[in-house]
Amino acid sequence: MSAPRRIGVVGHPRYAQFVEALARLVALARREGAELYFEDQLLEEQAGGRCLTPDVVPSLDLLLTLGGDGTLLRGARIVAHERIPVLGINLGHLGFLTSAAPEEMERALGMWFAGEFSLDERMALSVTFSLPDGTDGGGYLALNDAVLHKGGAARVIRLAVRASGEEVGTYSADGIILSTPTGSTAYSLSAGGPIVSPSVHCIVATPICPHTLGVRPLVLPAEALVTVEVLSPTEELVLTIDGQEHERLQPGASIFVCRAPDPVRLVRFAGQTFFSTLRRKLNWGDLEERDRNPVIP
């Protein structure tokens, strides 16, 4: 007799459909004989549930996220180092990274149990930073982006940018976005960066409101080590990871961004491609091409 499937559950309880979706998930897991492990904040919603602790993560077969893209990003950072597949159920608005709508959850999980899915491996970023005295300040993993920006008043800051030790230039801007191809359709796109297919492994450096028209978004090799040094003498900056985690940096600090050793593995079903998602979610292409395909065919 095979061991039961282990599914980690990360969610955002504030969504209107969350309670119903969670109840349906518990019922489905009971029918399939699967074990569910809930992050701490969900244990209040699921009394007596198993806790998703760090020592449980390596044994998971799947991480399921109930929420929007932000919930999926948070879940992906929890399991990325173990290469656990992530399946996102979209309870939010855009849901660019998620794979199924709420009403499709049972069908999506049924296809996963049956092995009728593929894994879309997405490049992630390893983000570390140093303090002004040169000591190591810590590190993060980012699936979308790492953003270095001004804290407090909206004033221009000066940043020295290098790629694998070679000087790129000094940026006078409101900040800089260093994104993965996955993150190219997020904040970077809003700041004028290019849309990059996830199959093209690279790091996109997009200045935020640069004060020189010649400073444009730059696509760098995935193997590059991008270094950004804070040159502004008095300005406090904030390093934000995937729009969720942040560190306050002082003048003289530096951040270091490179390709993470492990990709994030997103569950996809037949017909779900990057370009079909662009057409459906971002209204890419002519009007007659929009919404012509369901999320799960």
C-alpha atoms as a PDB file:
ATOM      1  CA  MET A   1       0.000   0.000   0.000  1.00  0.00           C
ATOM      2  CA  SER A   2       1.477   3.335  -1.053  1.00  0.00           C
ATOM      3  CA  ALA A   3       2.032   6.142   1.441  1.00  0.00           C
ATOM      4  CA  PRO A   4      -0.586   8.944   1.437  1.00  0.00           C
ATOM      5  CA  ARG A   5       0.194  12.058  -0.547  1.00  0.00           C
ATOM      6  CA  ARG A   6       1.363  14.962   1.596  1.00  0.00           C
ATOM      7  CA  ILE A   7       0.086  18.421   0.613  1.00  0.00           C
ATOM      8  CA  GLY A   8       1.182  21.652   2.256  1.00  0.00           C
ATOM      9  CA  VAL A   9      -1.415  24.426   2.327  1.00  0.00           C
ATOM     10  CA  VAL A  10      -0.664  28.160   2.302  1.00  0.00           C
ATOM     11  CA  GLY A  11      -3.531  30.616   2.077  1.00  0.00           C
ATOM     12  CA  HIS A  12      -4.928  34.099   2.506  1.00  0.00           C
ATOM     13  CA  PRO A  13      -7.990  33.906   4.802  1.00  0.00           C
ATOM     14  CA  ARG A  14      -9.199  37.408   3.907  1.00  0.00           C
ATOM     15  CA  TYR A  15     -10.460  36.345   0.487  1.00  0.00           C
ATOM     16  CA  ALA A  16     -14.231  35.959   0.368  1.00  0.00           C
ATOM     17  CA  GLN A  17     -14.069  32.445  -1.126  1.00  0.00           C
ATOM     18  CA  PHE A  18     -11.350  31.164   1.198  1.00  0.00           C
ATOM     19  CA  VAL A  19     -13.485  29.410   3.859  1.00  0.00           C
ATOM     20  CA  GLU A  20     -15.530  27.546   1.262  1.00  0.00           C
ATOM     21  CA  ALA A  21     -12.441  26.581  -0.754  1.00  0.00           C
ATOM     22  CA  LEU A  22     -10.695  25.299   2.360  1.00  0.00           C
ATOM     23  CA  ALA A  23     -13.689  23.153   3.344  1.00  0.00           C
ATOM     24  CA  ARG A  24     -13.822  21.654  -0.148  1.00  0.00           C
ATOM     25  CA  LEU A  25     -10.084  20.967  -0.042  1.00  0.00           C
ATOM     26  CA  VAL A  26     -10.376  19.139   3.295  1.00  0.00           C
ATOM     27  CA  ALA A  27     -13.242  17.032   1.948  1.00  0.00           C
ATOM     28  CA  LEU A  28     -11.290  16.194  -1.204  1.00  0.00           C
ATOM     29  CA  ALA A  29      -8.180  15.226   0.770  1.00  0.00           C
ATOM     30  CA  ARG A  30     -10.287  12.938   2.956  1.00  0.00           C
ATOM     31  CA  ARG A  31     -11.713  11.188  -0.128  1.00  0.00           C
ATOM     32  CA  GLU A  32      -8.272  10.782  -1.692  1.00  0.00           C
ATOM     33  CA  GLY A  33      -6.578   9.737   1.537  1.00  0.00           C
ATOM     34  CA  ALA A  34      -4.146  12.666   1.368  1.00  0.00           C
ATOM     35  CA  GLU A  35      -2.556  14.392   4.355  1.00  0.00           C
ATOM     36  CA  LEU A  36      -2.841  18.176   4.623  1.00  0.00           C
ATOM     37  CA  TYR A  37      -0.320  20.367   6.455  1.00  0.00           C
ATOM     38  CA  PHE A  38      -1.355  23.966   7.159  1.00  0.00           C
ATOM     39  CA  GLU A  39       0.784  27.040   7.751  1.00  0.00           C
ATOM     40  CA  ASP A  40       0.409  28.586  11.200  1.00  0.00           C
ATOM     41  CA  GLN A  41      -2.134  31.258  10.297  1.00  0.00           C
ATOM     42  CA  LEU A  42      -4.499  28.643   8.847  1.00  0.00           C
ATOM     43  CA  LEU A  43      -4.587  26.431  11.923  1.00  0.00           C
ATOM     44  CA  GLU A  44      -7.232  28.739  13.395  1.00  0.00           C
ATOM     45  CA  GLU A  45      -9.395  28.021  10.342  1.00  0.00           C
ATOM     46  CA  GLN A  46      -8.704  24.285  10.498  1.00  0.00           C
ATOM     47  CA  ALA A  47      -8.856  23.184  14.125  1.00  0.00           C
ATOM     48  CA  GLY A  48      -6.797  20.087  14.800  1.00  0.00           C
ATOM     49  CA  GLY A  49      -4.966  20.304  11.478  1.00  0.00           C
ATOM     50  CA  ARG A  50      -1.355  19.288  11.018  1.00  0.00           C
ATOM     51  CA  CYS A  51       1.158  22.145  11.086  1.00  0.00           C
ATOM     52  CA  LEU A  52       3.378  22.925   8.087  1.00  0.00           C
ATOM     53  CA  THR A  53       6.714  23.106   9.913  1.00  0.00           C
ATOM     54  CA  PRO A  54      10.159  23.394   8.269  1.00  0.00           C
ATOM     55  CA  ASP A  55      10.922  19.745   8.999  1.00  0.00           C
ATOM     56  CA  VAL A  56       7.737  18.679   7.153  1.00  0.00           C
ATOM     57  CA  VAL A  57       8.511  20.624   3.961  1.00  0.00           C
ATOM     58  CA  PRO A  58      11.057  18.148   2.467  1.00  0.00           C
ATOM     59  CA  SER A  59       8.477  15.337   2.674  1.00  0.00           C
ATOM     60  CA  LEU A  60       5.723  17.205   0.798  1.00  0.00           C
ATOM     61  CA  ASP A  61       4.483  16.016  -2.575  1.00  0.00           C
ATOM     62  CA  LEU A  62       2.799  19.336  -3.366  1.00  0.00           C
ATOM     63  CA  LEU A  63       2.295  22.824  -1.992  1.00  0.00           C
ATOM     64  CA  LEU A  64      -1.189  24.225  -2.636  1.00  0.00           C
ATOM     65  CA  THR A  65      -1.795  27.960  -2.364  1.00  0.00           C
ATOM     66  CA  LEU A  66      -5.254  29.459  -1.831  1.00  0.00           C
ATOM     67  CA  GLY A  67      -5.163  33.149  -2.748  1.00  0.00           C
ATOM     68  CA  GLY A  68      -3.672  35.357  -5.418  1.00  0.00           C
ATOM     69  CA  ASP A  69      -0.225  35.697  -6.942  1.00  0.00           C
ATOM     70  CA  GLY A  70       1.134  37.132  -3.696  1.00  0.00           C
ATOM     71  CA  THR A  71       0.094  33.997  -1.823  1.00  0.00           C
ATOM     72  CA  LEU A  72       1.770  31.828  -4.452  1.00  0.00           C
ATOM     73  CA  LEU A  73       4.968  33.889  -4.233  1.00  0.00           C
ATOM     74  CA  ARG A  74       5.023  33.466  -0.471  1.00  0.00           C
ATOM     75  CA  GLY A  75       4.427  29.738  -0.747  1.00  0.00           C
ATOM     76  CA  ALA A  76       7.078  29.335  -3.424  1.00  0.00           C
ATOM     77  CA  ARG A  77       9.715  30.834  -1.128  1.00  0.00           C
ATOM     78  CA  ILE A  78       8.819  28.257   1.547  1.00  0.00           C
ATOM     79  CA  VAL A  79       9.444  25.201  -0.656  1.00  0.00           C
ATOM     80  CA  ALA A  80      11.815  26.387  -3.407  1.00  0.00           C
ATOM     81  CA  HIS A  81      14.964  24.932  -1.837  1.00  0.00           C
ATOM     82  CA  GLU A  82      13.312  21.493  -1.790  1.00  0.00           C
ATOM     83  CA  ARG A  83      11.967  21.763  -5.367  1.00  0.00           C
ATOM     84  CA  ILE A  84       8.433  20.965  -4.195  1.00  0.00           C
ATOM     85  CA  PRO A  85       5.824  21.585  -6.948  1.00  0.00           C
ATOM     86  CA  VAL A  86       3.454  24.502  -6.327  1.00  0.00           C
ATOM     87  CA  LEU A  87      -0.188  24.557  -7.453  1.00  0.00           C
ATOM     88  CA  GLY A  88      -1.966  27.895  -7.124  1.00  0.00           C
ATOM     89  CA  ILE A  89      -5.754  28.236  -6.783  1.00  0.00           C
ATOM     90  CA  ASN A  90      -6.676  31.816  -7.648  1.00  0.00           C
ATOM     91  CA  LEU A  91      -9.013  33.490  -5.157  1.00  0.00           C
ATOM     92  CA  GLY A  92      -7.835  36.968  -6.148  1.00  0.00           C
ATOM     93  CA  HIS A  93      -8.124  39.150  -9.228  1.00  0.00           C
ATOM     94  CA  LEU A  94      -5.352  38.723 -11.822  1.00  0.00           C
ATOM     95  CA  GLY A  95      -3.901  35.360 -10.823  1.00  0.00           C
ATOM     96  CA  PHE A  96      -1.133  35.459 -13.426  1.00  0.00           C
ATOM     97  CA  LEU A  97       0.922  32.699 -11.756  1.00  0.00           C
ATOM     98  CA  THR A  98      -1.874  30.504 -10.449  1.00  0.00           C
ATOM     99  CA  SER A  99      -3.171  27.484 -12.379  1.00  0.00           C
ATOM    100  CA  ALA A 100      -6.865  27.147 -11.544  1.00  0.00           C
ATOM    101  CA  ALA A 101      -9.948  29.152 -10.606  1.00  0.00           C
ATOM    102  CA  PRO A 102     -11.772  28.296  -7.337  1.00  0.00           C
ATOM    103  CA  GLU A 103     -14.472  26.286  -9.107  1.00  0.00           C
ATOM    104  CA  GLU A 104     -11.754  24.232 -10.841  1.00  0.00           C
ATOM    105  CA  MET A 105      -9.911  23.177  -7.674  1.00  0.00           C
ATOM    106  CA  GLU A 106     -11.319  19.637  -7.502  1.00  0.00           C
ATOM    107  CA  ARG A 107     -10.625  19.018 -11.168  1.00  0.00           C
ATOM    108  CA  ALA A 108      -7.112  20.460 -10.916  1.00  0.00           C
ATOM    109  CA  LEU A 109      -6.224  18.332  -7.897  1.00  0.00           C
ATOM    110  CA  GLY A 110      -7.827  15.311  -9.535  1.00  0.00           C
ATOM    111  CA  MET A 111      -5.545  15.770 -12.533  1.00  0.00           C
ATOM    112  CA  TRP A 112      -2.570  16.160 -10.207  1.00  0.00           C
ATOM    113  CA  PHE A 113      -3.418  12.942  -8.348  1.00  0.00           C
ATOM    114  CA  ALA A 114      -3.716  11.205 -11.745  1.00  0.00           C
ATOM    115  CA  GLY A 115      -0.357  12.574 -12.929  1.00  0.00           C
ATOM    116  CA  GLU A 116      -1.976  14.592 -15.719  1.00  0.00           C
ATOM    117  CA  PHE A 117       0.180  17.700 -15.382  1.00  0.00           C
ATOM    118  CA  SER A 118       3.551  19.163 -16.254  1.00  0.00           C
ATOM    119  CA  LEU A 119       6.064  21.189 -14.238  1.00  0.00           C
ATOM    120  CA  ASP A 120       7.003  24.681 -15.356  1.00  0.00           C
ATOM    121  CA  GLU A 121      10.429  25.406 -13.845  1.00  0.00           C
ATOM    122  CA  ARG A 122      10.913  29.104 -13.125  1.00  0.00           C
ATOM    123  CA  MET A 123      14.244  30.735 -12.428  1.00  0.00           C
ATOM    124  CA  ALA A 124      14.530  32.406  -9.015  1.00  0.00           C
ATOM    125  CA  LEU A 125      16.992  34.935  -7.600  1.00  0.00           C
ATOM    126  CA  SER A 126      19.341  34.679  -4.655  1.00  0.00           C
ATOM    127  CA  VAL A 127      19.435  38.126  -3.016  1.00  0.00           C
ATOM    128  CA  THR A 128      21.996  39.018  -0.360  1.00  0.00           C
ATOM    129  CA  PHE A 129      23.130  42.343   1.043  1.00  0.00           C
ATOM    130  CA  SER A 130      26.051  43.781   2.963  1.00  0.00           C
ATOM    131  CA  LEU A 131      26.027  46.448   5.645  1.00  0.00           C
ATOM    132  CA  PRO A 132      27.981  49.723   5.275  1.00  0.00           C
ATOM    133  CA  ASP A 133      30.915  48.185   7.197  1.00  0.00           C
ATOM    134  CA  GLY A 134      31.067  45.332   4.676  1.00  0.00           C
ATOM    135  CA  THR A 135      29.661  42.604   6.910  1.00  0.00           C
ATOM    136  CA  ASP A 136      27.056  40.171   5.610  1.00  0.00           C
ATOM    137  CA  GLY A 137      23.508  41.347   6.307  1.00  0.00           C
ATOM    138  CA  GLY A 138      21.559  38.233   5.298  1.00  0.00           C
ATOM    139  CA  GLY A 139      19.756  36.933   2.253  1.00  0.00           C
ATOM    140  CA  TYR A 140      16.469  36.100   0.544  1.00  0.00           C
ATOM    141  CA  LEU A 141      15.046  34.146  -2.365  1.00  0.00           C
ATOM    142  CA  ALA A 142      12.870  35.963  -4.921  1.00  0.00           C
ATOM    143  CA  LEU A 143      10.651  34.481  -7.601  1.00  0.00           C
ATOM    144  CA  ASN A 144       9.528  37.848  -8.995  1.00  0.00           C
ATOM    145  CA  ASP A 145      11.987  40.567  -8.074  1.00  0.00           C
ATOM    146  CA  ALA A 146      14.233  42.406  -5.675  1.00  0.00           C
ATOM    147  CA  VAL A 147      13.576  46.148  -5.541  1.00  0.00           C
ATOM    148  CA  LEU A 148      15.898  48.733  -4.036  1.00  0.00           C
ATOM    149  CA  HIS A 149      13.997  51.966  -3.472  1.00  0.00           C
ATOM    150  CA  LYS A 150      13.816  55.085  -1.355  1.00  0.00           C
ATOM    151  CA  GLY A 151      12.188  55.011   2.050  1.00  0.00           C
ATOM    152  CA  GLY A 152      10.184  58.049   3.174  1.00  0.00           C
ATOM    153  CA  ALA A 153      10.131  61.174   0.991  1.00  0.00           C
ATOM    154  CA  ALA A 154      10.198  60.782  -2.795  1.00  0.00           C
ATOM    155  CA  ARG A 155      13.713  61.942  -3.639  1.00  0.00           C
ATOM    156  CA  VAL A 156      16.215  60.797  -6.239  1.00  0.00           C
ATOM    157  CA  ILE A 157      18.898  58.363  -5.122  1.00  0.00           C
ATOM    158  CA  ARG A 158      22.254  57.436  -6.683  1.00  0.00           C
ATOM    159  CA  LEU A 159      23.167  53.805  -7.231  1.00  0.00           C
ATOM    160  CA  ALA A 160      26.321  52.236  -8.692  1.00  0.00           C
ATOM    161  CA  VAL A 161      25.449  49.149 -10.745  1.00  0.00           C
ATOM    162  CA  ARG A 162      27.913  46.395 -11.716  1.00  0.00           C
ATOM    163  CA  ALA A 163      27.495  43.102 -13.555  1.00  0.00           C
ATOM    164  CA  SER A 164      30.010  40.363 -12.677  1.00  0.00           C
ATOM    165  CA  GLY A 165      32.464  43.018 -11.533  1.00  0.00           C
ATOM    166  CA  GLU A 166      32.178  45.202 -14.643  1.00  0.00           C
ATOM    167  CA  GLU A 167      30.821  48.723 -14.186  1.00  0.00           C
ATOM    168  CA  VAL A 168      27.436  49.192 -15.808  1.00  0.00           C
ATOM    169  CA  GLY A 169      26.911  52.767 -14.683  1.00  0.00           C
ATOM    170  CA  THR A 170      25.644  55.106 -12.009  1.00  0.00           C
ATOM    171  CA  TYR A 171      21.884  55.456 -11.855  1.00  0.00           C
ATOM    172  CA  SER A 172      20.098  58.533 -10.566  1.00  0.00           C
ATOM    173  CA  ALA A 173      16.565  57.287 -10.116  1.00  0.00           C
ATOM    174  CA  ASP A 174      13.832  56.481  -7.636  1.00  0.00           C
ATOM    175  CA  GLY A 175      15.286  52.987  -7.363  1.00  0.00           C
ATOM    176  CA  ILE A 176      16.001  49.829  -9.353  1.00  0.00           C
ATOM    177  CA  ILE A 177      14.123  46.565  -9.984  1.00  0.00           C
ATOM    178  CA  LEU A 178      16.082  43.356 -10.506  1.00  0.00           C
ATOM    179  CA  SER A 179      13.637  40.777 -11.791  1.00  0.00           C
ATOM    180  CA  THR A 180      13.431  37.244 -13.079  1.00  0.00           C
ATOM    181  CA  PRO A 181      11.652  36.460 -16.351  1.00  0.00           C
ATOM    182  CA  THR A 182       8.641  35.564 -14.178  1.00  0.00           C
ATOM    183  CA  GLY A 183       8.812  39.001 -12.555  1.00  0.00           C
ATOM    184  CA  SER A 184       9.147  40.731 -15.926  1.00  0.00           C
ATOM    185  CA  THR A 185       5.332  40.926 -16.120  1.00  0.00           C
ATOM    186  CA  ALA A 186       5.048  42.441 -12.632  1.00  0.00           C
ATOM    187  CA  TYR A 187       6.570  45.677 -11.244  1.00  0.00           C
ATOM    188  CA  SER A 188       9.283  45.726 -13.908  1.00  0.00           C
ATOM    189  CA  LEU A 189       6.670  45.837 -16.690  1.00  0.00           C
ATOM    190  CA  SER A 190       4.898  48.752 -15.001  1.00  0.00           C
ATOM    191  CA  ALA A 191       8.236  50.590 -14.854  1.00  0.00           C
ATOM    192  CA  GLY A 192       8.827  50.142 -18.591  1.00  0.00           C
ATOM    193  CA  GLY A 193      10.741  46.868 -18.593  1.00  0.00           C
ATOM    194  CA  PRO A 194      10.410  44.175 -21.291  1.00  0.00           C
ATOM    195  CA  ILE A 195       8.207  41.088 -21.198  1.00  0.00           C
ATOM    196  CA  VAL A 196      10.522  38.077 -21.075  1.00  0.00           C
ATOM    197  CA  SER A 197       9.488  34.490 -21.761  1.00  0.00           C
ATOM    198  CA  PRO A 198      10.221  32.295 -18.717  1.00  0.00           C
ATOM    199  CA  SER A 199      12.255  29.967 -20.961  1.00  0.00           C
ATOM    200  CA  VAL A 200      14.810  32.779 -21.467  1.00  0.00           C
ATOM    201  CA  HIS A 201      16.897  32.720 -18.329  1.00  0.00           C
ATOM    202  CA  CYS A 202      18.153  36.191 -17.502  1.00  0.00           C
ATOM    203  CA  ILE A 203      18.094  39.020 -14.976  1.00  0.00           C
ATOM    204  CA  VAL A 204      16.256  42.209 -15.938  1.00  0.00           C
ATOM    205  CA  ALA A 205      17.559  45.456 -14.399  1.00  0.00           C
ATOM    206  CA  THR A 206      14.870  48.136 -14.673  1.00  0.00           C
ATOM    207  CA  PRO A 207      15.467  51.638 -13.262  1.00  0.00           C
ATOM    208  CA  ILE A 208      12.495  53.262 -11.550  1.00  0.00           C
ATOM    209  CA  CYS A 209      11.818  56.735 -13.006  1.00  0.00           C
ATOM    210  CA  PRO A 210      15.448  57.384 -14.071  1.00  0.00           C
ATOM    211  CA  HIS A 211      16.489  61.025 -14.213  1.00  0.00           C
ATOM    212  CA  THR A 212      18.464  60.435 -17.416  1.00  0.00           C
ATOM    213  CA  LEU A 213      16.622  59.352 -20.552  1.00  0.00           C
ATOM    214  CA  GLY A 214      19.624  57.283 -21.656  1.00  0.00           C
ATOM    215  CA  VAL A 215      19.264  54.909 -18.699  1.00  0.00           C
ATOM    216  CA  ARG A 216      16.971  52.152 -19.937  1.00  0.00           C
ATOM    217  CA  PRO A 217      16.024  48.627 -18.807  1.00  0.00           C
ATOM    218  CA  LEU A 218      18.847  46.151 -19.274  1.00  0.00           C
ATOM    219  CA  VAL A 219      18.702  42.378 -19.837  1.00  0.00           C
ATOM    220  CA  LEU A 220      21.677  40.582 -18.277  1.00  0.00           C
ATOM    221  CA  PRO A 221      22.785  36.935 -18.473  1.00  0.00           C
ATOM    222  CA  ALA A 222      21.373  34.627 -15.827  1.00  0.00           C
ATOM    223  CA  GLU A 223      24.940  33.800 -14.777  1.00  0.00           C
ATOM    224  CA  ALA A 224      25.734  37.430 -13.940  1.00  0.00           C
ATOM    225  CA  LEU A 225      26.254  38.646 -10.394  1.00  0.00           C
ATOM    226  CA  VAL A 226      24.543  42.031 -10.219  1.00  0.00           C
ATOM    227  CA  THR A 227      25.857  44.386  -7.555  1.00  0.00           C
ATOM    228  CA  VAL A 228      24.086  47.604  -6.584  1.00  0.00           C
ATOM    229  CA  GLU A 229      25.858  49.981  -4.187  1.00  0.00           C
ATOM    230  CA  VAL A 230      24.073  52.835  -2.450  1.00  0.00           C
ATOM    231  CA  LEU A 231      25.975  56.053  -3.202  1.00  0.00           C
ATOM    232  CA  SER A 232      23.546  58.595  -1.735  1.00  0.00           C
ATOM    233  CA  PRO A 233      25.203  59.748   1.493  1.00  0.00           C
ATOM    234  CA  THR A 234      22.154  60.377   3.671  1.00  0.00           C
ATOM    235  CA  GLU A 235      19.194  58.559   2.179  1.00  0.00           C
ATOM    236  CA  GLU A 236      17.720  55.447   3.808  1.00  0.00           C
ATOM    237  CA  LEU A 237      16.742  52.786   1.302  1.00  0.00           C
ATOM    238  CA  VAL A 238      14.512  49.734   1.450  1.00  0.00           C
ATOM    239  CA  LEU A 239      15.198  46.371  -0.165  1.00  0.00           C
ATOM    240  CA  THR A 240      11.870  44.665  -0.960  1.00  0.00           C
ATOM    241  CA  ILE A 241      11.577  41.008  -1.997  1.00  0.00           C
ATOM    242  CA  ASP A 242       8.566  39.984  -4.120  1.00  0.00           C
ATOM    243  CA  GLY A 243       6.670  42.969  -2.703  1.00  0.00           C
ATOM    244  CA  GLN A 244       6.407  41.175   0.652  1.00  0.00           C
ATOM    245  CA  GLU A 245       9.631  41.021   2.678  1.00  0.00           C
ATOM    246  CA  HIS A 246      11.849  44.029   3.250  1.00  0.00           C
ATOM    247  CA  GLU A 247      15.088  45.268   4.795  1.00  0.00           C
ATOM    248  CA  ARG A 248      16.085  48.840   5.545  1.00  0.00           C
ATOM    249  CA  LEU A 249      19.544  49.690   4.238  1.00  0.00           C
ATOM    250  CA  GLN A 250      21.849  52.546   5.174  1.00  0.00           C
ATOM    251  CA  PRO A 251      24.172  54.565   2.884  1.00  0.00           C
ATOM    252  CA  GLY A 252      27.172  52.493   1.864  1.00  0.00           C
ATOM    253  CA  ALA A 253      25.246  49.216   1.816  1.00  0.00           C
ATOM    254  CA  SER A 254      25.257  46.959  -1.254  1.00  0.00           C
ATOM    255  CA  ILE A 255      22.960  44.266  -2.602  1.00  0.00           C
ATOM    256  CA  PHE A 256      24.069  41.227  -4.604  1.00  0.00           C
ATOM    257  CA  VAL A 257      21.672  39.429  -6.946  1.00  0.00           C
ATOM    258  CA  CYS A 258      22.329  36.233  -8.876  1.00  0.00           C
ATOM    259  CA  ARG A 259      20.501  33.177 -10.117  1.00  0.00           C
ATOM    260  CA  ALA A 260      19.321  30.904  -7.306  1.00  0.00           C
ATOM    261  CA  PRO A 261      20.557  27.297  -7.484  1.00  0.00           C
ATOM    262  CA  ASP A 262      17.024  25.840  -7.351  1.00  0.00           C
ATOM    263  CA  PRO A 263      14.120  26.804  -9.623  1.00  0.00           C
ATOM    264  CA  VAL A 264      10.511  27.159  -8.509  1.00  0.00           C
ATOM    265  CA  ARG A 265       8.356  24.377  -9.988  1.00  0.00           C
ATOM    266  CA  LEU A 266       4.821  25.443 -10.923  1.00  0.00           C
ATOM    267  CA  VAL A 267       2.138  22.868 -11.747  1.00  0.00           C
ATOM    268  CA  ARG A 268       0.620  23.386 -15.192  1.00  0.00           C
ATOM    269  CA  PHE A 269      -2.082  21.552 -17.111  1.00  0.00           C
ATOM    270  CA  ALA A 270      -2.540  20.905 -20.835  1.00  0.00           C
ATOM    271  CA  GLY A 271      -2.987  24.120 -22.804  1.00  0.00           C
ATOM    272  CA  GLN A 272      -1.599  26.381 -20.074  1.00  0.00           C
ATOM    273  CA  THR A 273       1.332  28.223 -21.627  1.00  0.00           C
ATOM    274  CA  PHE A 274       3.014  31.558 -20.986  1.00  0.00           C
ATOM    275  CA  PHE A 275       1.547  33.131 -24.108  1.00  0.00           C
ATOM    276  CA  SER A 276      -1.973  31.823 -23.520  1.00  0.00           C
ATOM    277  CA  THR A 277      -1.757  33.389 -20.052  1.00  0.00           C
ATOM    278  CA  LEU A 278      -0.599  36.681 -21.583  1.00  0.00           C
ATOM    279  CA  ARG A 279      -3.622  36.694 -23.881  1.00  0.00           C
ATOM    280  CA  ARG A 280      -6.075  35.783 -21.149  1.00  0.00           C
ATOM    281  CA  LYS A 281      -4.727  37.780 -18.204  1.00  0.00           C
ATOM    282  CA  LEU A 282      -3.022  40.816 -19.772  1.00  0.00           C
ATOM    283  CA  ASN A 283      -5.289  41.187 -22.814  1.00  0.00           C
ATOM    284  CA  TRP A 284      -2.347  40.521 -25.108  1.00  0.00           C
ATOM    285  CA  GLY A 285      -3.147  40.416 -28.835  1.00  0.00           C
ATOM    286  CA  ASP A 286      -6.300  41.252 -30.779  1.00  0.00           C
ATOM    287  CA  LEU A 287      -9.707  41.307 -29.131  1.00  0.00           C
ATOM    288  CA  GLU A 288     -10.883  38.059 -30.723  1.00  0.00           C
ATOM    289  CA  GLU A 289      -7.944  36.191 -29.129  1.00  0.00           C
ATOM    290  CA  ARG A 290      -8.892  37.120 -25.566  1.00  0.00           C
ATOM    291  CA  ASP A 291     -10.639  34.667 -23.261  1.00  0.00           C
ATOM    292  CA  ARG A 292     -10.874  32.071 -26.004  1.00  0.00           C
ATOM    293  CA  ASN A 293      -9.531  29.298 -23.740  1.00  0.00           C
ATOM    294  CA  PRO A 294     -10.639  28.196 -20.268  1.00  0.00           C
ATOM    295  CA  VAL A 295      -8.036  28.051 -17.487  1.00  0.00           C
ATOM    296  CA  ILE A 296      -8.156  24.245 -17.539  1.00  0.00           C
ATOM    297  CA  PRO A 297      -9.295  22.871 -20.942  1.00  0.00           C
END
